[in-house]
Amino acid sequence: MKQWVLFLVLHLSGAYALAQTPILPENGGAGIPGPVAGSFGIYWQVEPGAISYEYVLTDNPQCFVGCPGDTRQQTVGSLGAVEFDLRDSVWYQWMVRAKFPDGDSTAWSVVSSFLTLTPELGAPLMVFPNPAVFEINLKIDWAVATNVKEVTAVMLDEWGRVVQPQSRLSNELPLARSRFNRSNTIRFRLEGMPGGRYFLKVIQQLDEGETESIIPFVKQ
């Protein structure tokens, strides 16, 4: 009987029982830098049957609606978004919910926060092909990466779980030696993996400090 009462309450409220879960960046940690300075990405888990996702992001920790401060609210059709022109060294809070064809939505997720830290400049990274079928490649240009000592990458699924172990590239060979003797590509094989969205979490060890980036790709 209690189960039926719970079902009726949820149904009449116009909201689905499950709330979306923010995946990245990690709550309480540094933000994920976007393609240009001042841009940062946020990502969440897939909700079966959803047609879009609504999120609110703000630098005001007191409230999300009608508050003074930098507040952005958008509805997107993807499992993530990049916001631009965020202020440096500021804590931003965000939450997300899924929307369905019948007009209903999940409850809002728990509030997650990140700090907008401008990363140290690392080397340009290329991920290809995207979408991918048999393998995904991460390429680094060592000729440009003069301050990068090592690059490590790990593959995550839509829930932020590690699905392939860490792989590493080292920039130990001196520049005087031929580039063809130094590996510049990390390859992850994708056979047997279900289709969907995945992430490469890439950390570049620099001469001073490190920089981290999250690169989404689609496995067909």
N, C-alpha and C. Protein backbone atom coordinates (compact mmCIF):
# COMPACT_ATOMS: atom_id res chain seq x y z
N MET A 1 0.82 -1.19 0.00
CA MET A 1 0.00 0.00 0.00
C MET A 1 0.87 1.26 0.00
N LYS A 2 1.93 1.24 0.82
CA LYS A 2 2.82 2.39 0.88
C LYS A 2 3.46 2.66 -0.48
N GLN A 3 3.79 1.57 -1.22
CA GLN A 3 4.39 1.75 -2.52
C GLN A 3 3.45 2.47 -3.48
N TRP A 4 2.14 2.13 -3.43
CA TRP A 4 1.17 2.79 -4.30
C TRP A 4 1.00 4.25 -3.91
N VAL A 5 1.01 4.55 -2.62
CA VAL A 5 0.90 5.94 -2.17
C VAL A 5 2.08 6.74 -2.68
N LEU A 6 3.29 6.17 -2.58
CA LEU A 6 4.48 6.85 -3.06
C LEU A 6 4.38 7.10 -4.56
N PHE A 7 3.92 6.11 -5.31
CA PHE A 7 3.78 6.26 -6.76
C PHE A 7 2.81 7.40 -7.10
N LEU A 8 1.67 7.47 -6.39
CA LEU A 8 0.68 8.50 -6.67
C LEU A 8 1.22 9.88 -6.35
N VAL A 9 1.94 10.01 -5.25
CA VAL A 9 2.52 11.30 -4.88
C VAL A 9 3.48 11.79 -5.94
N LEU A 10 4.36 10.89 -6.41
CA LEU A 10 5.33 11.26 -7.43
C LEU A 10 4.65 11.59 -8.76
N HIS A 11 3.62 10.81 -9.09
CA HIS A 11 2.93 11.04 -10.36
C HIS A 11 2.18 12.37 -10.34
N LEU A 12 1.49 12.67 -9.24
CA LEU A 12 0.72 13.89 -9.15
C LEU A 12 1.60 15.12 -9.06
N SER A 13 2.80 14.94 -8.56
CA SER A 13 3.70 16.09 -8.43
C SER A 13 4.25 16.53 -9.78
N GLY A 14 4.10 15.69 -10.83
CA GLY A 14 4.59 16.05 -12.14
C GLY A 14 6.08 15.85 -12.29
N ALA A 15 6.72 15.12 -11.37
CA ALA A 15 8.16 14.91 -11.45
C ALA A 15 8.47 13.43 -11.37
N TYR A 16 9.49 13.02 -12.11
CA TYR A 16 9.93 11.64 -12.03
C TYR A 16 10.69 11.44 -10.72
N ALA A 17 10.78 10.20 -10.27
CA ALA A 17 11.36 9.93 -8.96
C ALA A 17 12.86 10.22 -8.92
N LEU A 18 13.55 9.92 -10.03
CA LEU A 18 15.00 10.01 -10.01
C LEU A 18 15.47 11.40 -10.41
N ALA A 19 16.50 11.87 -9.73
CA ALA A 19 17.11 13.15 -10.08
C ALA A 19 18.39 12.89 -10.85
N GLN A 20 18.73 13.81 -11.73
CA GLN A 20 19.98 13.71 -12.46
C GLN A 20 21.16 13.83 -11.50
N THR A 21 22.24 13.16 -11.83
CA THR A 21 23.45 13.19 -11.01
C THR A 21 24.58 13.87 -11.75
N PRO A 22 25.09 15.00 -11.24
CA PRO A 22 26.28 15.59 -11.87
C PRO A 22 27.45 14.62 -11.81
N ILE A 23 28.18 14.51 -12.91
CA ILE A 23 29.33 13.59 -12.97
C ILE A 23 30.64 14.35 -12.86
N LEU A 24 30.82 15.33 -13.72
CA LEU A 24 32.07 16.08 -13.78
C LEU A 24 31.76 17.56 -13.95
N PRO A 25 32.56 18.42 -13.32
CA PRO A 25 33.74 18.13 -12.50
C PRO A 25 33.35 17.55 -11.13
N GLU A 26 34.33 17.01 -10.44
CA GLU A 26 34.09 16.46 -9.12
C GLU A 26 33.63 17.56 -8.18
N ASN A 27 32.62 17.25 -7.37
CA ASN A 27 32.07 18.23 -6.45
C ASN A 27 33.14 18.73 -5.48
N GLY A 28 33.25 20.06 -5.40
CA GLY A 28 34.22 20.65 -4.49
C GLY A 28 35.63 20.72 -5.03
N GLY A 29 35.81 20.42 -6.33
CA GLY A 29 37.15 20.44 -6.92
C GLY A 29 37.29 21.53 -7.96
N ALA A 30 38.37 21.45 -8.70
CA ALA A 30 38.63 22.43 -9.76
C ALA A 30 37.73 22.16 -10.95
N GLY A 31 37.36 23.22 -11.66
CA GLY A 31 36.53 23.09 -12.85
C GLY A 31 37.28 22.48 -14.01
N ILE A 32 36.53 22.04 -15.02
CA ILE A 32 37.11 21.45 -16.23
C ILE A 32 37.23 22.54 -17.28
N PRO A 33 38.45 22.94 -17.64
CA PRO A 33 38.61 24.03 -18.61
C PRO A 33 38.00 23.69 -19.96
N GLY A 34 37.39 24.70 -20.58
CA GLY A 34 36.82 24.56 -21.91
C GLY A 34 37.82 24.95 -22.99
N PRO A 35 37.31 25.23 -24.19
CA PRO A 35 38.21 25.47 -25.33
C PRO A 35 38.93 26.81 -25.29
N VAL A 36 38.41 27.79 -24.54
CA VAL A 36 39.06 29.10 -24.47
C VAL A 36 39.14 29.53 -23.01
N ALA A 37 39.98 30.51 -22.73
CA ALA A 37 40.13 31.02 -21.37
C ALA A 37 38.79 31.51 -20.84
N GLY A 38 38.49 31.15 -19.59
CA GLY A 38 37.25 31.57 -18.97
C GLY A 38 36.07 30.66 -19.24
N SER A 39 36.29 29.57 -20.00
CA SER A 39 35.21 28.62 -20.27
C SER A 39 35.44 27.34 -19.47
N PHE A 40 34.33 26.74 -19.01
CA PHE A 40 34.40 25.53 -18.20
C PHE A 40 33.22 24.62 -18.54
N GLY A 41 33.46 23.29 -18.50
CA GLY A 41 32.44 22.33 -18.87
C GLY A 41 31.80 21.67 -17.66
N ILE A 42 30.53 21.27 -17.80
CA ILE A 42 29.83 20.48 -16.80
C ILE A 42 29.16 19.31 -17.52
N TYR A 43 29.11 18.14 -16.87
CA TYR A 43 28.58 16.92 -17.50
C TYR A 43 27.74 16.15 -16.50
N TRP A 44 26.73 15.43 -17.01
CA TRP A 44 25.82 14.68 -16.15
C TRP A 44 25.48 13.35 -16.80
N GLN A 45 24.82 12.48 -16.01
CA GLN A 45 24.52 11.13 -16.49
C GLN A 45 23.31 11.14 -17.41
N VAL A 46 23.22 10.11 -18.24
CA VAL A 46 22.10 9.97 -19.16
C VAL A 46 20.86 9.52 -18.39
N GLU A 47 19.70 10.01 -18.81
CA GLU A 47 18.41 9.58 -18.24
C GLU A 47 17.61 8.96 -19.38
N PRO A 48 17.37 7.63 -19.37
CA PRO A 48 16.63 6.98 -20.46
C PRO A 48 15.29 7.66 -20.72
N GLY A 49 15.01 7.95 -21.97
CA GLY A 49 13.75 8.55 -22.35
C GLY A 49 13.74 10.07 -22.34
N ALA A 50 14.76 10.68 -21.78
CA ALA A 50 14.79 12.15 -21.72
C ALA A 50 15.06 12.74 -23.10
N ILE A 51 14.48 13.90 -23.36
CA ILE A 51 14.69 14.58 -24.64
C ILE A 51 15.58 15.81 -24.48
N SER A 52 15.74 16.29 -23.26
CA SER A 52 16.60 17.44 -23.02
C SER A 52 16.96 17.51 -21.54
N TYR A 53 17.87 18.40 -21.24
CA TYR A 53 18.34 18.57 -19.86
C TYR A 53 18.42 20.07 -19.55
N GLU A 54 17.93 20.43 -18.39
CA GLU A 54 17.95 21.83 -17.96
C GLU A 54 18.91 21.97 -16.79
N TYR A 55 19.76 22.97 -16.86
CA TYR A 55 20.68 23.20 -15.75
C TYR A 55 20.69 24.67 -15.36
N VAL A 56 21.06 24.91 -14.11
CA VAL A 56 21.25 26.26 -13.60
C VAL A 56 22.63 26.32 -12.98
N LEU A 57 23.38 27.36 -13.32
CA LEU A 57 24.73 27.56 -12.79
C LEU A 57 24.82 28.97 -12.24
N THR A 58 25.38 29.13 -11.05
CA THR A 58 25.44 30.44 -10.42
C THR A 58 26.68 30.56 -9.54
N ASP A 59 27.13 31.80 -9.35
CA ASP A 59 28.21 32.06 -8.41
C ASP A 59 27.68 32.53 -7.06
N ASN A 60 26.35 32.50 -6.90
CA ASN A 60 25.72 32.90 -5.64
C ASN A 60 25.34 31.65 -4.86
N PRO A 61 25.99 31.35 -3.74
CA PRO A 61 25.72 30.11 -3.01
C PRO A 61 24.40 30.11 -2.26
N GLN A 62 23.69 31.25 -2.23
CA GLN A 62 22.48 31.34 -1.44
C GLN A 62 21.24 30.85 -2.18
N CYS A 63 21.18 31.05 -3.49
CA CYS A 63 19.98 30.67 -4.22
C CYS A 63 20.29 30.57 -5.70
N PHE A 64 19.34 30.03 -6.45
CA PHE A 64 19.53 29.80 -7.88
C PHE A 64 18.61 30.64 -8.75
N VAL A 65 17.53 31.17 -8.21
CA VAL A 65 16.55 31.90 -9.02
C VAL A 65 16.35 33.30 -8.44
N GLY A 66 16.42 34.29 -9.29
CA GLY A 66 16.15 35.65 -8.86
C GLY A 66 17.17 36.21 -7.90
N CYS A 67 18.41 35.72 -7.99
CA CYS A 67 19.44 36.16 -7.06
C CYS A 67 20.40 37.10 -7.77
N PRO A 68 20.97 38.05 -7.04
CA PRO A 68 22.04 38.85 -7.64
C PRO A 68 23.27 37.98 -7.88
N GLY A 69 24.01 38.33 -8.90
CA GLY A 69 25.20 37.55 -9.23
C GLY A 69 25.15 37.02 -10.65
N ASP A 70 26.09 36.17 -10.97
CA ASP A 70 26.22 35.59 -12.30
C ASP A 70 25.46 34.27 -12.33
N THR A 71 24.25 34.25 -12.85
CA THR A 71 23.42 33.05 -12.90
C THR A 71 23.03 32.76 -14.34
N ARG A 72 23.25 31.51 -14.79
CA ARG A 72 22.89 31.10 -16.16
C ARG A 72 21.96 29.89 -16.08
N GLN A 73 20.95 29.86 -16.91
CA GLN A 73 20.01 28.74 -16.97
C GLN A 73 19.75 28.41 -18.43
N GLN A 74 19.96 27.14 -18.79
CA GLN A 74 19.79 26.72 -20.17
C GLN A 74 19.17 25.34 -20.25
N THR A 75 18.51 25.06 -21.37
CA THR A 75 18.03 23.72 -21.69
C THR A 75 18.78 23.25 -22.93
N VAL A 76 19.41 22.09 -22.85
CA VAL A 76 20.23 21.58 -23.95
C VAL A 76 19.83 20.14 -24.25
N GLY A 77 20.19 19.69 -25.44
CA GLY A 77 19.86 18.33 -25.85
C GLY A 77 20.99 17.35 -25.66
N SER A 78 22.08 17.79 -25.06
CA SER A 78 23.26 16.94 -24.88
C SER A 78 23.47 16.60 -23.41
N LEU A 79 24.49 15.79 -23.15
CA LEU A 79 24.79 15.36 -21.78
C LEU A 79 25.89 16.21 -21.15
N GLY A 80 25.97 17.43 -21.56
CA GLY A 80 26.95 18.33 -21.00
C GLY A 80 26.84 19.69 -21.66
N ALA A 81 27.56 20.64 -21.10
CA ALA A 81 27.54 22.00 -21.64
C ALA A 81 28.83 22.70 -21.26
N VAL A 82 29.18 23.71 -22.03
CA VAL A 82 30.33 24.56 -21.73
C VAL A 82 29.83 25.99 -21.55
N GLU A 83 30.15 26.57 -20.41
CA GLU A 83 29.79 27.97 -20.15
C GLU A 83 31.02 28.85 -20.33
N PHE A 84 30.82 30.03 -20.92
CA PHE A 84 31.91 30.93 -21.25
C PHE A 84 31.88 32.17 -20.35
N ASP A 85 33.02 32.85 -20.30
CA ASP A 85 33.15 34.11 -19.57
C ASP A 85 32.86 33.95 -18.08
N LEU A 86 33.28 32.84 -17.51
CA LEU A 86 33.20 32.68 -16.06
C LEU A 86 34.40 33.38 -15.41
N ARG A 87 34.17 33.93 -14.24
CA ARG A 87 35.23 34.66 -13.55
C ARG A 87 36.25 33.69 -12.96
N ASP A 88 37.50 34.10 -12.96
CA ASP A 88 38.58 33.25 -12.49
C ASP A 88 38.61 33.20 -10.97
N SER A 89 38.97 32.02 -10.43
CA SER A 89 39.13 31.80 -8.99
C SER A 89 37.84 32.09 -8.22
N VAL A 90 36.72 31.65 -8.78
CA VAL A 90 35.41 31.84 -8.16
C VAL A 90 34.72 30.49 -8.06
N TRP A 91 34.02 30.26 -6.95
CA TRP A 91 33.24 29.03 -6.80
C TRP A 91 31.89 29.20 -7.50
N TYR A 92 31.56 28.23 -8.37
CA TYR A 92 30.25 28.19 -9.02
C TYR A 92 29.52 26.93 -8.55
N GLN A 93 28.19 27.08 -8.35
CA GLN A 93 27.33 25.96 -7.99
C GLN A 93 26.40 25.67 -9.16
N TRP A 94 26.04 24.38 -9.33
CA TRP A 94 25.13 24.06 -10.41
C TRP A 94 24.30 22.83 -10.08
N MET A 95 23.15 22.73 -10.74
CA MET A 95 22.28 21.56 -10.61
C MET A 95 21.61 21.34 -11.96
N VAL A 96 21.08 20.13 -12.16
CA VAL A 96 20.54 19.76 -13.45
C VAL A 96 19.33 18.84 -13.26
N ARG A 97 18.45 18.82 -14.25
CA ARG A 97 17.33 17.87 -14.25
C ARG A 97 17.03 17.46 -15.70
N ALA A 98 16.44 16.29 -15.86
CA ALA A 98 16.09 15.77 -17.18
C ALA A 98 14.63 16.09 -17.49
N LYS A 99 14.32 16.31 -18.77
CA LYS A 99 12.97 16.62 -19.22
C LYS A 99 12.52 15.58 -20.23
N PHE A 100 11.21 15.25 -20.21
CA PHE A 100 10.67 14.15 -20.99
C PHE A 100 9.60 14.64 -21.98
N PRO A 101 9.28 13.81 -22.99
CA PRO A 101 8.31 14.24 -24.02
C PRO A 101 6.94 14.62 -23.46
N ASP A 102 6.53 14.02 -22.34
CA ASP A 102 5.20 14.33 -21.79
C ASP A 102 5.19 15.61 -20.97
N GLY A 103 6.32 16.31 -20.91
CA GLY A 103 6.38 17.56 -20.17
C GLY A 103 6.87 17.42 -18.74
N ASP A 104 6.97 16.19 -18.25
CA ASP A 104 7.46 15.98 -16.90
C ASP A 104 8.99 16.11 -16.84
N SER A 105 9.51 16.23 -15.63
CA SER A 105 10.94 16.34 -15.40
C SER A 105 11.32 15.51 -14.19
N THR A 106 12.61 15.17 -14.11
CA THR A 106 13.10 14.61 -12.86
C THR A 106 13.17 15.73 -11.83
N ALA A 107 13.38 15.35 -10.59
CA ALA A 107 13.67 16.35 -9.57
C ALA A 107 15.04 16.96 -9.87
N TRP A 108 15.30 18.14 -9.34
CA TRP A 108 16.62 18.73 -9.50
C TRP A 108 17.66 17.87 -8.80
N SER A 109 18.84 17.82 -9.36
CA SER A 109 19.93 17.06 -8.73
C SER A 109 20.40 17.77 -7.48
N VAL A 110 21.26 17.10 -6.74
CA VAL A 110 21.93 17.77 -5.64
C VAL A 110 22.82 18.87 -6.23
N VAL A 111 23.12 19.87 -5.43
CA VAL A 111 23.95 20.97 -5.89
C VAL A 111 25.41 20.53 -5.88
N SER A 112 26.10 20.78 -6.98
CA SER A 112 27.52 20.47 -7.09
C SER A 112 28.27 21.78 -7.31
N SER A 113 29.53 21.84 -6.88
CA SER A 113 30.29 23.08 -7.00
C SER A 113 31.67 22.81 -7.58
N PHE A 114 32.24 23.85 -8.21
CA PHE A 114 33.61 23.76 -8.71
C PHE A 114 34.25 25.14 -8.67
N LEU A 115 35.58 25.15 -8.66
CA LEU A 115 36.36 26.38 -8.62
C LEU A 115 36.96 26.65 -9.99
N THR A 116 36.77 27.86 -10.49
CA THR A 116 37.27 28.22 -11.82
C THR A 116 38.74 28.64 -11.70
N LEU A 117 39.62 27.71 -11.93
CA LEU A 117 41.05 27.98 -11.90
C LEU A 117 41.60 27.95 -13.33
N THR A 118 42.25 29.01 -13.73
CA THR A 118 42.87 29.03 -15.05
C THR A 118 44.04 28.06 -15.05
N PRO A 119 44.02 27.03 -15.90
CA PRO A 119 45.07 26.00 -15.85
C PRO A 119 46.38 26.49 -16.42
N GLU A 120 47.45 25.81 -16.01
CA GLU A 120 48.73 26.02 -16.67
C GLU A 120 48.61 25.60 -18.14
N LEU A 121 49.32 26.29 -19.00
CA LEU A 121 49.22 26.00 -20.42
C LEU A 121 49.96 24.72 -20.75
N GLY A 122 49.23 23.71 -21.23
CA GLY A 122 49.84 22.46 -21.64
C GLY A 122 49.92 22.37 -23.15
N ALA A 123 50.08 21.16 -23.63
CA ALA A 123 50.20 20.94 -25.07
C ALA A 123 48.82 20.76 -25.70
N PRO A 124 48.65 21.16 -26.97
CA PRO A 124 47.40 20.88 -27.67
C PRO A 124 47.18 19.37 -27.80
N LEU A 125 45.94 18.95 -27.63
CA LEU A 125 45.58 17.53 -27.72
C LEU A 125 44.60 17.32 -28.86
N MET A 126 44.74 16.21 -29.57
CA MET A 126 43.83 15.85 -30.65
C MET A 126 43.25 14.47 -30.36
N VAL A 127 41.92 14.36 -30.38
CA VAL A 127 41.24 13.09 -30.17
C VAL A 127 40.52 12.72 -31.47
N PHE A 128 40.79 11.52 -31.98
CA PHE A 128 40.23 11.12 -33.27
C PHE A 128 40.18 9.59 -33.34
N PRO A 129 39.30 9.00 -34.19
CA PRO A 129 38.16 9.68 -34.82
C PRO A 129 37.05 9.88 -33.80
N ASN A 130 36.18 10.79 -34.03
CA ASN A 130 35.08 11.05 -33.11
C ASN A 130 33.85 11.45 -33.93
N PRO A 131 32.84 10.55 -34.01
CA PRO A 131 32.64 9.29 -33.30
C PRO A 131 33.66 8.21 -33.69
N ALA A 132 33.82 7.24 -32.78
CA ALA A 132 34.78 6.16 -32.98
C ALA A 132 34.05 4.82 -33.00
N VAL A 133 34.67 3.84 -33.67
CA VAL A 133 34.09 2.50 -33.75
C VAL A 133 35.03 1.47 -33.12
N PHE A 134 36.26 1.40 -33.62
CA PHE A 134 37.19 0.35 -33.17
C PHE A 134 38.23 0.85 -32.17
N GLU A 135 38.63 2.11 -32.27
CA GLU A 135 39.59 2.66 -31.32
C GLU A 135 39.46 4.17 -31.28
N ILE A 136 39.93 4.74 -30.17
CA ILE A 136 39.99 6.19 -30.01
C ILE A 136 41.44 6.57 -29.74
N ASN A 137 41.92 7.61 -30.39
CA ASN A 137 43.32 8.01 -30.30
C ASN A 137 43.46 9.38 -29.67
N LEU A 138 44.44 9.51 -28.80
CA LEU A 138 44.79 10.79 -28.19
C LEU A 138 46.21 11.13 -28.63
N LYS A 139 46.36 12.24 -29.37
CA LYS A 139 47.65 12.61 -29.94
C LYS A 139 48.16 13.91 -29.33
N ILE A 140 49.45 13.95 -29.02
CA ILE A 140 50.09 15.13 -28.48
C ILE A 140 51.24 15.54 -29.39
N ASP A 141 51.40 16.84 -29.58
CA ASP A 141 52.47 17.37 -30.42
C ASP A 141 53.65 17.72 -29.52
N TRP A 142 54.64 16.83 -29.48
CA TRP A 142 55.79 17.07 -28.59
C TRP A 142 56.60 18.30 -29.01
N ALA A 143 56.54 18.67 -30.27
CA ALA A 143 57.29 19.84 -30.72
C ALA A 143 56.76 21.12 -30.06
N VAL A 144 55.46 21.13 -29.75
CA VAL A 144 54.86 22.28 -29.08
C VAL A 144 54.93 22.13 -27.56
N ALA A 145 54.93 20.87 -27.10
CA ALA A 145 54.85 20.59 -25.66
C ALA A 145 56.21 20.67 -24.99
N THR A 146 56.85 21.82 -25.08
CA THR A 146 58.20 21.95 -24.54
C THR A 146 58.22 21.92 -23.01
N ASN A 147 57.10 22.23 -22.35
CA ASN A 147 57.05 22.23 -20.89
C ASN A 147 56.33 21.02 -20.32
N VAL A 148 55.99 20.03 -21.18
CA VAL A 148 55.25 18.85 -20.74
C VAL A 148 56.21 17.68 -20.57
N LYS A 149 56.21 17.08 -19.39
CA LYS A 149 57.08 15.94 -19.12
C LYS A 149 56.39 14.61 -19.35
N GLU A 150 55.09 14.55 -19.08
CA GLU A 150 54.37 13.29 -19.18
C GLU A 150 52.89 13.55 -19.38
N VAL A 151 52.24 12.66 -20.12
CA VAL A 151 50.80 12.74 -20.34
C VAL A 151 50.19 11.39 -19.95
N THR A 152 49.16 11.42 -19.11
CA THR A 152 48.44 10.20 -18.75
C THR A 152 46.96 10.39 -19.10
N ALA A 153 46.33 9.28 -19.50
CA ALA A 153 44.92 9.33 -19.88
C ALA A 153 44.22 8.09 -19.36
N VAL A 154 42.96 8.26 -18.95
CA VAL A 154 42.12 7.15 -18.51
C VAL A 154 40.75 7.35 -19.11
N MET A 155 40.05 6.25 -19.44
CA MET A 155 38.73 6.35 -20.05
C MET A 155 37.64 6.16 -19.00
N LEU A 156 36.64 7.06 -19.05
CA LEU A 156 35.51 7.02 -18.13
C LEU A 156 34.22 6.81 -18.91
N ASP A 157 33.23 6.19 -18.26
CA ASP A 157 31.92 6.07 -18.89
C ASP A 157 31.03 7.25 -18.48
N GLU A 158 29.76 7.20 -18.85
CA GLU A 158 28.85 8.33 -18.59
C GLU A 158 28.61 8.56 -17.11
N TRP A 159 28.91 7.58 -16.28
CA TRP A 159 28.73 7.71 -14.84
C TRP A 159 30.03 8.05 -14.13
N GLY A 160 31.07 8.35 -14.90
CA GLY A 160 32.35 8.72 -14.31
C GLY A 160 33.16 7.55 -13.81
N ARG A 161 32.80 6.32 -14.20
CA ARG A 161 33.53 5.13 -13.77
C ARG A 161 34.64 4.81 -14.76
N VAL A 162 35.77 4.36 -14.24
CA VAL A 162 36.89 3.98 -15.09
C VAL A 162 36.55 2.70 -15.83
N VAL A 163 36.63 2.73 -17.16
CA VAL A 163 36.32 1.55 -17.98
C VAL A 163 37.56 1.02 -18.70
N GLN A 164 38.61 1.83 -18.79
CA GLN A 164 39.89 1.35 -19.31
C GLN A 164 40.99 1.98 -18.47
N PRO A 165 42.02 1.19 -18.11
CA PRO A 165 43.04 1.68 -17.18
C PRO A 165 43.90 2.79 -17.79
N GLN A 166 44.66 3.39 -16.91
CA GLN A 166 45.50 4.52 -17.30
C GLN A 166 46.58 4.12 -18.30
N SER A 167 46.80 5.00 -19.27
CA SER A 167 47.87 4.83 -20.23
C SER A 167 48.74 6.09 -20.20
N ARG A 168 50.02 5.95 -20.56
CA ARG A 168 50.96 7.05 -20.32
C ARG A 168 51.88 7.27 -21.52
N LEU A 169 52.20 8.55 -21.77
CA LEU A 169 53.22 8.95 -22.73
C LEU A 169 54.26 9.79 -21.99
N SER A 170 55.53 9.57 -22.32
CA SER A 170 56.61 10.30 -21.66
C SER A 170 57.41 11.10 -22.68
N ASN A 171 57.81 12.29 -22.29
CA ASN A 171 58.60 13.16 -23.15
C ASN A 171 60.05 13.15 -22.68
N GLU A 172 60.61 11.96 -22.51
CA GLU A 172 61.95 11.83 -21.95
C GLU A 172 63.04 11.96 -23.00
N LEU A 173 62.73 11.63 -24.27
CA LEU A 173 63.76 11.69 -25.30
C LEU A 173 64.12 13.14 -25.60
N PRO A 174 65.37 13.46 -25.75
CA PRO A 174 65.77 14.84 -26.06
C PRO A 174 65.27 15.26 -27.44
N LEU A 175 65.05 16.56 -27.60
CA LEU A 175 64.50 17.06 -28.85
C LEU A 175 65.44 16.82 -30.03
N ALA A 176 66.71 16.63 -29.76
CA ALA A 176 67.67 16.42 -30.85
C ALA A 176 67.43 15.10 -31.56
N ARG A 177 66.76 14.15 -30.89
CA ARG A 177 66.49 12.86 -31.53
C ARG A 177 65.26 12.95 -32.41
N SER A 178 65.16 12.03 -33.34
CA SER A 178 64.07 12.06 -34.30
C SER A 178 62.71 11.91 -33.62
N ARG A 179 61.73 12.68 -34.08
CA ARG A 179 60.38 12.57 -33.53
C ARG A 179 59.78 11.19 -33.79
N PHE A 180 60.25 10.55 -34.86
CA PHE A 180 59.68 9.25 -35.21
C PHE A 180 60.08 8.16 -34.20
N ASN A 181 61.07 8.43 -33.36
CA ASN A 181 61.47 7.48 -32.33
C ASN A 181 60.73 7.69 -31.02
N ARG A 182 59.84 8.65 -31.00
CA ARG A 182 59.14 8.96 -29.76
C ARG A 182 57.64 8.84 -30.00
N SER A 183 56.96 8.09 -29.17
CA SER A 183 55.53 7.90 -29.35
C SER A 183 54.78 9.19 -29.01
N ASN A 184 53.79 9.52 -29.81
CA ASN A 184 53.00 10.72 -29.54
C ASN A 184 51.50 10.44 -29.48
N THR A 185 51.12 9.15 -29.43
CA THR A 185 49.70 8.80 -29.48
C THR A 185 49.37 7.71 -28.46
N ILE A 186 48.30 7.94 -27.70
CA ILE A 186 47.73 6.92 -26.82
C ILE A 186 46.50 6.36 -27.53
N ARG A 187 46.41 5.02 -27.60
CA ARG A 187 45.29 4.37 -28.28
C ARG A 187 44.52 3.51 -27.29
N PHE A 188 43.19 3.66 -27.31
CA PHE A 188 42.30 2.82 -26.52
C PHE A 188 41.46 1.99 -27.49
N ARG A 189 41.51 0.67 -27.36
CA ARG A 189 40.69 -0.22 -28.17
C ARG A 189 39.25 -0.23 -27.64
N LEU A 190 38.27 -0.27 -28.56
CA LEU A 190 36.87 -0.14 -28.18
C LEU A 190 36.04 -1.37 -28.51
N GLU A 191 36.65 -2.43 -29.03
CA GLU A 191 35.88 -3.62 -29.36
C GLU A 191 35.18 -4.17 -28.13
N GLY A 192 33.92 -4.56 -28.31
CA GLY A 192 33.16 -5.15 -27.22
C GLY A 192 32.54 -4.16 -26.27
N MET A 193 32.82 -2.87 -26.43
CA MET A 193 32.23 -1.87 -25.55
C MET A 193 30.91 -1.39 -26.14
N PRO A 194 29.89 -1.19 -25.31
CA PRO A 194 28.61 -0.70 -25.83
C PRO A 194 28.73 0.71 -26.37
N GLY A 195 27.86 1.05 -27.32
CA GLY A 195 27.85 2.39 -27.86
C GLY A 195 27.38 3.40 -26.82
N GLY A 196 27.77 4.64 -27.02
CA GLY A 196 27.37 5.69 -26.10
C GLY A 196 28.45 6.73 -25.94
N ARG A 197 28.30 7.57 -24.94
CA ARG A 197 29.26 8.64 -24.71
C ARG A 197 30.27 8.23 -23.64
N TYR A 198 31.52 8.57 -23.89
CA TYR A 198 32.62 8.30 -22.96
C TYR A 198 33.47 9.57 -22.82
N PHE A 199 34.40 9.52 -21.87
CA PHE A 199 35.30 10.64 -21.64
C PHE A 199 36.74 10.14 -21.54
N LEU A 200 37.67 10.96 -22.03
CA LEU A 200 39.08 10.76 -21.73
C LEU A 200 39.50 11.82 -20.71
N LYS A 201 39.95 11.36 -19.56
CA LYS A 201 40.47 12.26 -18.54
C LYS A 201 41.99 12.31 -18.72
N VAL A 202 42.50 13.48 -19.09
CA VAL A 202 43.90 13.64 -19.48
C VAL A 202 44.61 14.56 -18.49
N ILE A 203 45.75 14.10 -17.97
CA ILE A 203 46.57 14.92 -17.07
C ILE A 203 47.93 15.11 -17.70
N GLN A 204 48.35 16.36 -17.81
CA GLN A 204 49.67 16.68 -18.33
C GLN A 204 50.57 17.14 -17.18
N GLN A 205 51.64 16.39 -16.94
CA GLN A 205 52.63 16.78 -15.95
C GLN A 205 53.58 17.79 -16.58
N LEU A 206 53.62 19.00 -16.01
CA LEU A 206 54.42 20.07 -16.57
C LEU A 206 55.72 20.24 -15.79
N ASP A 207 56.57 21.11 -16.29
CA ASP A 207 57.80 21.42 -15.55
C ASP A 207 57.47 21.93 -14.15
N GLU A 208 56.36 22.68 -14.06
CA GLU A 208 55.86 23.17 -12.78
C GLU A 208 54.36 22.93 -12.73
N GLY A 209 53.96 21.99 -11.89
CA GLY A 209 52.53 21.71 -11.73
C GLY A 209 51.99 20.77 -12.79
N GLU A 210 50.67 20.78 -12.96
CA GLU A 210 50.01 19.92 -13.93
C GLU A 210 48.73 20.58 -14.38
N THR A 211 48.19 20.11 -15.50
CA THR A 211 46.91 20.58 -16.00
C THR A 211 46.06 19.37 -16.36
N GLU A 212 44.75 19.47 -16.12
CA GLU A 212 43.83 18.37 -16.36
C GLU A 212 42.74 18.80 -17.32
N SER A 213 42.33 17.91 -18.20
CA SER A 213 41.25 18.19 -19.13
C SER A 213 40.38 16.95 -19.30
N ILE A 214 39.11 17.17 -19.63
CA ILE A 214 38.15 16.10 -19.89
C ILE A 214 37.66 16.25 -21.33
N ILE A 215 37.83 15.19 -22.12
CA ILE A 215 37.47 15.24 -23.54
C ILE A 215 36.40 14.20 -23.82
N PRO A 216 35.18 14.62 -24.17
CA PRO A 216 34.12 13.65 -24.47
C PRO A 216 34.26 13.10 -25.90
N PHE A 217 33.81 11.86 -26.09
CA PHE A 217 33.71 11.29 -27.43
C PHE A 217 32.59 10.27 -27.46
N VAL A 218 32.18 9.88 -28.65
CA VAL A 218 31.07 8.95 -28.83
C VAL A 218 31.58 7.66 -29.43
N LYS A 219 31.20 6.54 -28.83
CA LYS A 219 31.48 5.22 -29.37
C LYS A 219 30.23 4.72 -30.10
N GLN A 220 30.38 4.44 -31.40
CA GLN A 220 29.23 3.97 -32.20
C GLN A 220 29.15 2.45 -32.18
